Amino acid sequence: MNLMDEVHVSVLMCTYKYSLFLERAIVSIDKQTHKNIELILVVNCIGNIDYKKIYTFCSKYKFIKIYRTRICQLSYNLNFGMDKCSSNYILRLDDDDICYSNRITKLLKFMLLHDLDVIGSNADYIDEGGKIIGSSSHLEFDNERIKRSLMYKNPIIHPSVLFNKKS
């Protein structure tokens, strides 16, 4: 076991509905090569029937912690979920996104190697069947250019972010 295997990562996801996309997102976390993870799933503004579907699906996975709120604002639920994350390293994921199996490993390795506080990545865009229909290509990779672009746009694809909560 190497040192990186010991680093714990919290995956933070919010959802307001049950869907096959949510299931695919969770399965993609389960298939990560980095196994020292937890998934904090904040379920908000949802009826009991959909909540039971989500709970039933998630009960198969020991790494998932489900929290339910009645507040419908994403920013509130992300902050609520961040407070529940037991790790300082937090990976964001939307409920309709899937990860390549080595996503956490690659981001974490680069983050630790370069002593970074935040790291993001490119993204492939997929259709409902999982077919790649496009890719992000507008991202900045130079630290100074990223800082300058923060004044007029968000240069980071938010569901691609891994960050250190202590920073």
Foldseek 3Di string as FASTA:
>chain_A
DDPLLPAEEEEEEEDAFDDVLLVQAVVLVVLAPNDRYAYEYEHEQYDPVRVVVVCVSCVVDPRYDYHYDHDDDPVVRRVVSVVVDPHQKYAYAYSRDHDHNHLVVVVSVVCVVVVHFKDFDKDFDADPVRHGDGIDDQADDDPVVCVVCVVPDNRHDRNRMIGGNVD
